[in-house]
Protein backbone atom coordinates (compact mmCIF):
# COMPACT_ATOMS: atom_id res chain seq x y z
CA UNK A 1 -18.84 16.22 73.66
CA UNK A 2 -21.07 15.74 70.62
CA UNK A 3 -18.59 17.65 68.40
CA UNK A 4 -15.71 15.27 69.07
CA UNK A 5 -16.94 12.38 66.86
CA UNK A 6 -17.75 14.81 64.08
CA UNK A 7 -14.29 16.36 64.11
CA UNK A 8 -12.70 12.91 64.22
CA UNK A 9 -14.74 11.73 61.24
CA UNK A 10 -13.77 14.84 59.28
CA UNK A 11 -10.11 14.29 60.08
CA UNK A 12 -10.29 10.67 59.04
CA UNK A 13 -12.00 11.54 55.76
CA UNK A 14 -9.42 14.20 55.06
CA UNK A 15 -6.59 11.75 55.80
CA UNK A 16 -8.08 9.17 53.47
CA UNK A 17 -8.33 11.74 50.69
CA UNK A 18 -4.75 12.80 51.23
CA UNK A 19 -3.49 9.23 51.20
CA UNK A 20 -5.48 8.34 48.09
CA UNK A 21 -4.04 11.33 46.26
CA UNK A 22 -0.52 10.37 47.38
CA UNK A 23 -0.65 6.78 46.08
CA UNK A 24 -0.74 5.91 42.38
CA UNK A 25 -0.43 2.58 40.61
CA UNK A 26 0.73 2.55 37.02
CA UNK A 27 0.39 -0.38 34.62
CA UNK A 28 3.26 -1.84 32.63
CA UNK A 29 2.49 0.22 29.56
CA UNK A 30 1.97 3.49 31.53
CA UNK A 31 4.36 6.16 32.78
CA UNK A 32 3.78 9.11 35.07
CA UNK A 33 5.34 12.51 34.49
CA UNK A 34 5.71 14.07 37.96
CA UNK A 35 5.62 17.85 38.54
CA UNK A 36 6.60 19.24 41.98
CA UNK A 37 5.47 22.82 42.36
CA UNK A 38 5.40 23.11 38.59
CA UNK A 39 8.84 21.62 37.93
CA UNK A 40 9.80 18.18 36.77
CA UNK A 41 11.02 15.90 39.51
CA UNK A 42 14.57 14.68 38.98
CA UNK A 43 16.22 14.59 35.59
CA UNK A 44 13.23 13.67 33.46
CA UNK A 45 10.37 13.48 35.97
CA UNK A 46 9.17 10.06 34.69
CA UNK A 47 8.09 7.35 37.09
CA UNK A 48 6.60 3.94 36.75
CA UNK A 49 5.42 1.30 36.27
CA UNK A 50 4.22 0.04 39.69
CA UNK A 51 3.50 1.90 42.93
CA UNK A 52 4.16 5.63 42.88
CA UNK A 53 4.19 7.77 46.00
CA UNK A 54 3.40 11.52 45.67
CA UNK A 55 3.60 14.34 48.10
CA UNK A 56 -0.01 15.45 48.52
CA UNK A 57 -0.87 18.92 47.18
CA UNK A 58 2.81 19.48 46.17
CA UNK A 59 3.14 16.81 43.47
CA UNK A 60 1.01 16.43 40.34
CA UNK A 61 1.25 13.47 37.98
CA UNK A 62 0.26 13.29 34.29
CA UNK A 63 -0.30 9.75 33.03
CA UNK A 64 1.04 8.81 29.57
CA UNK A 65 0.45 5.54 27.69
CA UNK A 66 3.36 3.99 25.80
CA UNK A 67 1.24 1.72 23.63
CA UNK A 68 1.10 2.17 19.85
CA UNK A 69 -1.74 4.44 18.78
CA UNK A 70 -3.58 3.82 15.52
CA UNK A 71 -4.81 7.07 14.02
CA UNK A 72 -7.15 7.14 11.02
CA UNK A 73 -6.42 10.23 8.93
CA UNK A 74 -9.73 11.65 7.61
CA UNK A 75 -10.13 11.69 3.80
CA UNK A 76 -8.20 14.58 2.26
CA UNK A 77 -9.03 16.34 -1.04
CA UNK A 78 -5.79 16.39 -3.04
CA UNK A 79 -4.90 17.71 -6.49
CA UNK A 80 -2.02 15.67 -7.92
CA UNK A 81 0.86 17.08 -9.91
CA UNK A 82 -0.91 16.16 -13.18
CA UNK A 83 -4.06 18.04 -12.06
CA UNK A 84 -6.26 15.12 -11.04
CA UNK A 85 -8.56 15.63 -8.05
CA UNK A 86 -8.59 12.61 -5.69
CA UNK A 87 -9.69 11.91 -2.17
CA UNK A 88 -7.16 9.99 -0.06
CA UNK A 89 -7.17 8.70 3.50
CA UNK A 90 -4.40 6.99 5.46
CA UNK A 91 -3.54 5.25 8.71
CA UNK A 92 -0.70 6.44 11.00
CA UNK A 93 0.89 4.21 13.67
CA UNK A 94 2.82 6.08 16.40
CA UNK A 95 3.74 5.81 20.08
CA UNK A 96 5.28 7.93 22.79
CA UNK A 97 8.91 7.06 23.52
CA UNK A 98 9.77 10.08 25.74
CA UNK A 99 6.83 10.91 28.07
CA UNK A 100 8.33 14.08 29.47
CA UNK A 101 8.70 15.62 25.97
CA UNK A 102 5.16 14.55 24.98
CA UNK A 103 3.79 16.49 27.98
CA UNK A 104 6.22 19.44 28.17
CA UNK A 105 7.05 20.23 24.52
CA UNK A 106 3.53 20.17 23.05
CA UNK A 107 0.11 20.91 24.54
CA UNK A 108 -1.67 17.90 23.08
CA UNK A 109 0.56 15.44 21.21
CA UNK A 110 -2.41 13.48 19.86
CA UNK A 111 -3.96 16.51 18.17
CA UNK A 112 -0.59 17.78 17.01
CA UNK A 113 0.35 14.42 15.44
CA UNK A 114 -3.04 14.31 13.76
CA UNK A 115 -2.67 17.74 12.17
CA UNK A 116 0.90 17.02 11.07
CA UNK A 117 -0.25 13.78 9.41
CA UNK A 118 -3.03 15.52 7.50
CA UNK A 119 -0.91 18.41 6.20
CA UNK A 120 1.99 16.12 5.24
CA UNK A 121 -0.40 13.77 3.42
CA UNK A 122 -1.74 16.65 1.31
CA UNK A 123 1.75 18.08 0.68
CA UNK A 124 3.46 14.83 -0.38
CA UNK A 125 0.65 13.42 -2.48
CA UNK A 126 0.11 16.79 -4.12
CA UNK A 127 3.70 16.57 -5.47
CA UNK A 128 3.10 13.13 -7.00
CA UNK A 129 1.36 12.10 -10.19
CA UNK A 130 -1.64 9.80 -10.27
CA UNK A 131 0.25 6.90 -11.79
CA UNK A 132 2.79 7.10 -8.98
CA UNK A 133 0.04 7.09 -6.34
CA UNK A 134 -1.41 3.93 -7.80
CA UNK A 135 1.83 2.05 -8.65
CA UNK A 136 4.42 3.26 -6.09
CA UNK A 137 2.34 3.27 -2.90
CA UNK A 138 5.07 1.53 -0.86
CA UNK A 139 7.56 4.28 -1.74
CA UNK A 140 5.07 7.02 -0.87
CA UNK A 141 4.26 5.35 2.47
CA UNK A 142 7.95 5.30 3.41
CA UNK A 143 8.36 8.96 2.46
CA UNK A 144 5.32 9.94 4.54
CA UNK A 145 6.63 8.02 7.52
CA UNK A 146 10.04 9.70 7.38
CA UNK A 147 8.60 13.26 7.07
CA UNK A 148 6.01 12.90 9.85
CA UNK A 149 8.50 11.13 12.16
CA UNK A 150 11.05 13.93 11.72
CA UNK A 151 8.44 16.52 12.70
CA UNK A 152 7.13 14.64 15.77
CA UNK A 153 10.57 13.65 17.11
CA UNK A 154 10.93 16.87 19.26
CA UNK A 155 7.69 15.88 21.00
CA UNK A 156 8.99 12.42 21.96
CA UNK A 157 6.61 10.73 19.53
CA UNK A 158 7.87 7.97 17.20
CA UNK A 159 5.92 7.34 13.98
CA UNK A 160 6.48 3.70 13.13
CA UNK A 161 4.37 3.31 9.97
CA UNK A 162 2.14 5.20 7.58
CA UNK A 163 -0.21 3.47 5.13
CA UNK A 164 -2.21 5.09 2.40
CA UNK A 165 -5.46 3.18 2.82
CA UNK A 166 -7.72 4.24 -0.02
CA UNK A 167 -7.63 6.48 -3.09
CA UNK A 168 -11.03 7.57 -4.47
CA UNK A 169 -10.97 8.68 -8.12
CA UNK A 170 -13.63 10.76 -9.93
CA UNK A 171 -16.10 8.79 -12.02
CA UNK A 172 -14.84 10.26 -15.30
CA UNK A 173 -11.26 9.27 -14.37
CA UNK A 174 -12.39 5.73 -13.57
CA UNK A 175 -14.07 5.45 -16.97
CA UNK A 176 -10.99 6.85 -18.74
CA UNK A 177 -8.73 4.35 -16.92
CA UNK A 178 -11.10 1.54 -17.84
CA UNK A 179 -10.95 2.52 -21.51
CA UNK A 180 -7.17 2.77 -21.32
CA UNK A 181 -6.90 -0.71 -19.78
CA UNK A 182 -9.23 -2.11 -22.43
CA UNK A 183 -7.17 -0.51 -25.21
CA UNK A 184 -3.98 -1.91 -23.69
CA UNK A 185 -5.46 -5.40 -23.57
CA UNK A 186 -6.56 -5.10 -27.21
CA UNK A 187 -3.10 -3.88 -28.18
CA UNK A 188 -1.49 -6.87 -26.48
CA UNK A 189 -3.87 -9.30 -28.19
CA UNK A 190 -3.07 -7.82 -31.59
CA UNK A 191 0.67 -8.02 -30.91
CA UNK A 192 0.36 -11.64 -29.83
CA UNK A 193 -1.69 -12.44 -32.95
CA UNK A 194 0.88 -10.67 -35.16
CA UNK A 195 3.73 -12.58 -33.53
CA UNK A 196 1.86 -15.85 -34.11
CA UNK A 197 1.34 -14.97 -37.80
CA UNK A 198 5.05 -14.07 -38.11
CA UNK A 199 6.15 -17.36 -36.54
CA UNK A 200 3.73 -19.26 -38.73
CA UNK A 201 5.03 -17.55 -41.88
CA UNK A 202 8.61 -18.39 -40.87
CA UNK A 203 7.67 -22.05 -40.46
CA UNK A 204 5.88 -22.06 -43.84
CA UNK A 205 8.91 -20.49 -45.48
CA UNK A 206 11.17 -23.16 -43.91
CA UNK A 207 8.79 -25.90 -45.09
CA UNK A 208 8.65 -24.47 -48.61
CA UNK A 209 12.47 -24.41 -48.74
CA UNK A 210 12.68 -28.00 -47.62
CA UNK A 211 10.08 -29.16 -50.15
CA UNK A 212 11.79 -27.27 -52.98
CA UNK A 213 15.11 -28.94 -52.15
CA UNK A 214 13.56 -32.44 -51.90
CA UNK A 215 11.09 -33.21 -54.78
CA UNK A 216 10.28 -36.60 -53.23
CA UNK A 217 9.11 -34.84 -50.06
CA UNK A 218 6.79 -32.68 -52.16
CA UNK A 219 5.30 -35.87 -53.73
CA UNK A 220 4.70 -37.37 -50.30
CA UNK A 221 2.94 -34.21 -49.27
CA UNK A 222 0.70 -34.43 -52.29
CA UNK A 223 -0.23 -37.99 -51.35
CA UNK A 224 -0.98 -37.00 -47.81
CA UNK A 225 -3.23 -34.22 -49.03
CA UNK A 226 -5.06 -36.66 -51.29
CA UNK A 227 -5.72 -38.98 -48.37
CA UNK A 228 -7.12 -36.13 -46.27
CA UNK A 229 -9.45 -35.10 -49.09
CA UNK A 230 -10.61 -38.67 -49.65
CA UNK A 231 -11.66 -39.09 -46.02
CA UNK A 232 -14.22 -36.31 -46.46
CA UNK A 233 -16.23 -38.52 -48.91
CA UNK A 234 -16.12 -36.06 -51.80
CA UNK A 235 -17.55 -37.18 -55.12
CA UNK A 236 -14.79 -35.40 -57.04
CA UNK A 237 -11.17 -35.40 -56.08
CA UNK A 238 -8.67 -33.01 -57.70
CA UNK A 239 -5.13 -34.24 -57.35
CA UNK A 240 -2.32 -31.89 -58.42
CA UNK A 241 0.47 -33.78 -60.24
CA UNK A 242 3.95 -32.32 -60.47
CA UNK A 243 4.95 -31.42 -64.01
CA UNK A 244 8.20 -33.32 -63.54
CA UNK A 245 6.29 -36.63 -63.44
CA UNK A 246 4.78 -35.87 -66.91
CA UNK A 247 8.04 -34.89 -68.63
CA UNK A 248 8.95 -38.52 -69.71
CA UNK A 249 5.54 -38.94 -71.37
CA UNK A 250 5.79 -35.64 -73.10
CA UNK A 251 9.19 -36.50 -74.50
CA UNK A 252 7.94 -39.85 -75.87
CA UNK A 253 5.08 -38.13 -77.68
CA UNK A 254 7.41 -35.71 -79.28
């Protein structure tokens, strides 16, 4: 008689365990890949979201999240096409779009996507020159996204975006680039100064032509110069007089 309650309690506990293993609740962003005796249930074996009923012991469910995963690619040592050693890291955005493939086609889709991202980053950037890495980053990001997405497609993983986050240059390369930038700025300043001198010489040539064609204009310019000199309170003022003004006096003396 004393064994009856014990057996009943054991049966109840066993029934609770069976029922808890048979009932699953999946969130909106989750899907469950159902295996029945090792085979996918139905056409794709994907259930959810909501309440999922499983056959105890017979069914096994693997939960998969459909949210976008942000993966930070560790810094990679890369030698560019022009033999410059740099260290580059990137960020990869991807998500699962076919849960059954992500579970069946690859053992661990997170680790596989990570390794593909690292090897592709080294391969693509190693075929580029340093100037392209610094100036055409958007183009390189798009190329990386296409290559990684093509390789993860059989796993049901969609790579939505790849961003090269940081490029670390050696100290000697940073100094060389700083000197190059300084030389470029100096070259531009000299070009601007030369263009200013050229424009000024053109204006002086035009002014000289106008003054040579109009003697009265030249006289007015002399008078203006005299007034500017007088305002400086000089004790001696030298005023150039055109020789044409002295010709009548010279003729009378002769």
